[in-house]
Amino acid sequence: MPEDGAGAPSLDRIESTLTDGYAAKLELEAERSRLERRLGEVAREAGDVSARSVAGELSSLSVRLDAVDAELARLRSLLRNLQARRRLARSAA
């Protein structure tokens, strides 16, 4: 990783990492949307399948949605921190 004289990542490296982070965030948001859509589908289809099957899928989807939400929160925090570093790097340049 290219670094400046102070040992911090270069502005180019920060920008590249931000780009990768935003791409990952978009993927997680798309997964979140898919999970929410599937939750709605399962709820609507509940009368067509056994209660145990519906409960199991709803539980699984809920766990996955919670995990995606946690990962999104972590990634958003990291991106905010990296944006702050980018601002500092730009002001120092």
Foldseek 3Di string as FASTA:
>chain_A
DDDDPVRHRALVVLVVVLVVLVVVLVVLVVVLVVLVVVLVVLVVCVVVDDPVVSVVVNVVSVVVNVVSVVVNVVSVVVSVVSVVVSVVNVVVD
